[in-house]
């Protein structure tokens, strides 16, 4: 008997985050505070995870917060942050710090 792949569910989460990021990029175009929103979403993940460990939150809510964070990271990769003058990370790879 083979063990289930623990990353299979994460792949689904990332796919859902990609769709959410695409929707958000259309609904809330640049300029946008992507970097600040990443920090906010990371804090929400930490808070939900701590509450989940304390049995005050569900794992499903932690996953939902993780999806929001991944969506914002995707936006940083694709769009950058025009408010802070950061080019899309995807376009900067291998070019050094410009």
C-alpha atoms as a PDB file:
ATOM      1  CA  UNK A   1       0.000   0.000   0.000  1.00  0.00           C
ATOM      2  CA  UNK A   2       1.402   3.395  -0.946  1.00  0.00           C
ATOM      3  CA  UNK A   3       1.221   6.380   1.318  1.00  0.00           C
ATOM      4  CA  UNK A   4      -0.864   9.344   0.120  1.00  0.00           C
ATOM      5  CA  UNK A   5       1.150  12.255  -1.224  1.00  0.00           C
ATOM      6  CA  UNK A   6       1.029  14.993   1.444  1.00  0.00           C
ATOM      7  CA  UNK A   7       1.732  17.629  -1.212  1.00  0.00           C
ATOM      8  CA  UNK A   8      -1.310  16.724  -3.302  1.00  0.00           C
ATOM      9  CA  UNK A   9      -3.576  18.887  -1.157  1.00  0.00           C
ATOM     10  CA  UNK A  10      -1.031  21.681  -1.237  1.00  0.00           C
ATOM     11  CA  UNK A  11      -0.993  21.550  -5.041  1.00  0.00           C
ATOM     12  CA  UNK A  12      -4.752  22.098  -4.960  1.00  0.00           C
ATOM     13  CA  UNK A  13      -4.291  25.012  -2.550  1.00  0.00           C
ATOM     14  CA  UNK A  14      -1.711  26.616  -4.864  1.00  0.00           C
ATOM     15  CA  UNK A  15      -3.975  26.166  -7.878  1.00  0.00           C
ATOM     16  CA  UNK A  16      -6.830  27.839  -6.010  1.00  0.00           C
ATOM     17  CA  UNK A  17      -4.465  30.646  -4.972  1.00  0.00           C
ATOM     18  CA  UNK A  18      -3.437  31.165  -8.599  1.00  0.00           C
ATOM     19  CA  UNK A  19      -7.081  31.604  -9.592  1.00  0.00           C
ATOM     20  CA  UNK A  20      -7.641  33.974  -6.685  1.00  0.00           C
ATOM     21  CA  UNK A  21      -4.555  35.991  -7.635  1.00  0.00           C
ATOM     22  CA  UNK A  22      -5.709  36.310 -11.249  1.00  0.00           C
ATOM     23  CA  UNK A  23      -9.126  37.496 -10.092  1.00  0.00           C
ATOM     24  CA  UNK A  24      -7.584  40.003  -7.659  1.00  0.00           C
ATOM     25  CA  UNK A  25      -5.195  41.363 -10.316  1.00  0.00           C
ATOM     26  CA  UNK A  26      -8.207  42.193 -12.492  1.00  0.00           C
ATOM     27  CA  UNK A  27     -10.354  43.550  -9.669  1.00  0.00           C
ATOM     28  CA  UNK A  28      -7.628  45.486  -7.820  1.00  0.00           C
ATOM     29  CA  UNK A  29      -4.995  46.414 -10.430  1.00  0.00           C
ATOM     30  CA  UNK A  30      -1.672  48.085  -9.769  1.00  0.00           C
ATOM     31  CA  UNK A  31      -0.624  50.346  -8.234  1.00  0.00           C
ATOM     32  CA  UNK A  32      -1.237  48.223  -5.177  1.00  0.00           C
ATOM     33  CA  UNK A  33       0.477  47.683  -1.821  1.00  0.00           C
ATOM     34  CA  UNK A  34       1.448  44.075  -2.523  1.00  0.00           C
ATOM     35  CA  UNK A  35       4.431  43.964  -0.143  1.00  0.00           C
ATOM     36  CA  UNK A  36       2.384  45.320   2.767  1.00  0.00           C
ATOM     37  CA  UNK A  37      -0.440  42.912   2.027  1.00  0.00           C
ATOM     38  CA  UNK A  38       1.991  39.980   2.089  1.00  0.00           C
ATOM     39  CA  UNK A  39       2.993  40.979   5.632  1.00  0.00           C
ATOM     40  CA  UNK A  40      -0.655  41.284   6.636  1.00  0.00           C
ATOM     41  CA  UNK A  41      -1.574  37.895   5.178  1.00  0.00           C
ATOM     42  CA  UNK A  42       1.469  36.235   6.783  1.00  0.00           C
ATOM     43  CA  UNK A  43       0.297  37.556  10.135  1.00  0.00           C
ATOM     44  CA  UNK A  44      -3.160  36.128   9.498  1.00  0.00           C
ATOM     45  CA  UNK A  45      -1.627  32.704   8.793  1.00  0.00           C
ATOM     46  CA  UNK A  46       0.352  32.825  12.037  1.00  0.00           C
ATOM     47  CA  UNK A  47      -2.673  33.918  14.045  1.00  0.00           C
ATOM     48  CA  UNK A  48      -4.924  31.234  12.551  1.00  0.00           C
ATOM     49  CA  UNK A  49      -2.273  28.542  13.034  1.00  0.00           C
ATOM     50  CA  UNK A  50      -1.766  29.455  16.694  1.00  0.00           C
ATOM     51  CA  UNK A  51      -5.504  29.472  17.265  1.00  0.00           C
ATOM     52  CA  UNK A  52      -5.769  26.119  15.491  1.00  0.00           C
ATOM     53  CA  UNK A  53      -3.074  24.671  17.769  1.00  0.00           C
ATOM     54  CA  UNK A  54      -5.103  25.961  20.717  1.00  0.00           C
ATOM     55  CA  UNK A  55      -8.256  24.325  19.285  1.00  0.00           C
ATOM     56  CA  UNK A  56      -9.875  27.757  18.747  1.00  0.00           C
ATOM     57  CA  UNK A  57      -9.666  27.646  14.948  1.00  0.00           C
ATOM     58  CA  UNK A  58     -10.045  25.058  12.207  1.00  0.00           C
ATOM     59  CA  UNK A  59      -7.373  23.694   9.897  1.00  0.00           C
ATOM     60  CA  UNK A  60      -9.638  24.724   7.020  1.00  0.00           C
ATOM     61  CA  UNK A  61      -9.385  28.364   8.111  1.00  0.00           C
ATOM     62  CA  UNK A  62      -5.594  28.079   8.365  1.00  0.00           C
ATOM     63  CA  UNK A  63      -5.556  26.732   4.803  1.00  0.00           C
ATOM     64  CA  UNK A  64      -7.779  29.613   3.699  1.00  0.00           C
ATOM     65  CA  UNK A  65      -5.347  32.123   5.162  1.00  0.00           C
ATOM     66  CA  UNK A  66      -2.452  30.274   3.525  1.00  0.00           C
ATOM     67  CA  UNK A  67      -4.254  30.532   0.186  1.00  0.00           C
ATOM     68  CA  UNK A  68      -4.568  34.311   0.607  1.00  0.00           C
ATOM     69  CA  UNK A  69      -0.841  34.580   1.384  1.00  0.00           C
ATOM     70  CA  UNK A  70       0.111  32.451  -1.621  1.00  0.00           C
ATOM     71  CA  UNK A  71      -2.133  34.599  -3.824  1.00  0.00           C
ATOM     72  CA  UNK A  72      -0.310  37.742  -2.687  1.00  0.00           C
ATOM     73  CA  UNK A  73       3.079  36.087  -3.280  1.00  0.00           C
ATOM     74  CA  UNK A  74       1.910  35.237  -6.796  1.00  0.00           C
ATOM     75  CA  UNK A  75       0.997  38.881  -7.324  1.00  0.00           C
ATOM     76  CA  UNK A  76       4.492  39.920  -6.182  1.00  0.00           C
ATOM     77  CA  UNK A  77       5.979  37.432  -8.648  1.00  0.00           C
ATOM     78  CA  UNK A  78       3.774  38.585 -11.554  1.00  0.00           C
ATOM     79  CA  UNK A  79       3.166  42.283 -10.842  1.00  0.00           C
ATOM     80  CA  UNK A  80       5.684  43.456  -8.292  1.00  0.00           C
ATOM     81  CA  UNK A  81       4.578  46.420  -6.207  1.00  0.00           C
ATOM     82  CA  UNK A  82       4.198  49.646  -8.144  1.00  0.00           C
ATOM     83  CA  UNK A  83       3.544  51.650  -4.974  1.00  0.00           C
ATOM     84  CA  UNK A  84       7.013  50.759  -3.683  1.00  0.00           C
ATOM     85  CA  UNK A  85       8.635  50.703  -7.115  1.00  0.00           C
ATOM     86  CA  UNK A  86       9.394  46.979  -7.134  1.00  0.00           C
ATOM     87  CA  UNK A  87       9.358  45.324 -10.537  1.00  0.00           C
ATOM     88  CA  UNK A  88       7.732  41.897 -10.911  1.00  0.00           C
ATOM     89  CA  UNK A  89      10.077  39.382  -9.320  1.00  0.00           C
ATOM     90  CA  UNK A  90       9.661  37.061 -12.317  1.00  0.00           C
ATOM     91  CA  UNK A  91      11.228  39.687 -14.578  1.00  0.00           C
ATOM     92  CA  UNK A  92      14.121  40.392 -12.195  1.00  0.00           C
ATOM     93  CA  UNK A  93      15.418  36.853 -11.748  1.00  0.00           C
ATOM     94  CA  UNK A  94      19.068  36.614 -12.691  1.00  0.00           C
ATOM     95  CA  UNK A  95      19.485  40.357 -13.152  1.00  0.00           C
ATOM     96  CA  UNK A  96      20.780  41.226  -9.701  1.00  0.00           C
ATOM     97  CA  UNK A  97      19.332  43.993  -7.575  1.00  0.00           C
ATOM     98  CA  UNK A  98      18.269  46.775  -9.853  1.00  0.00           C
END
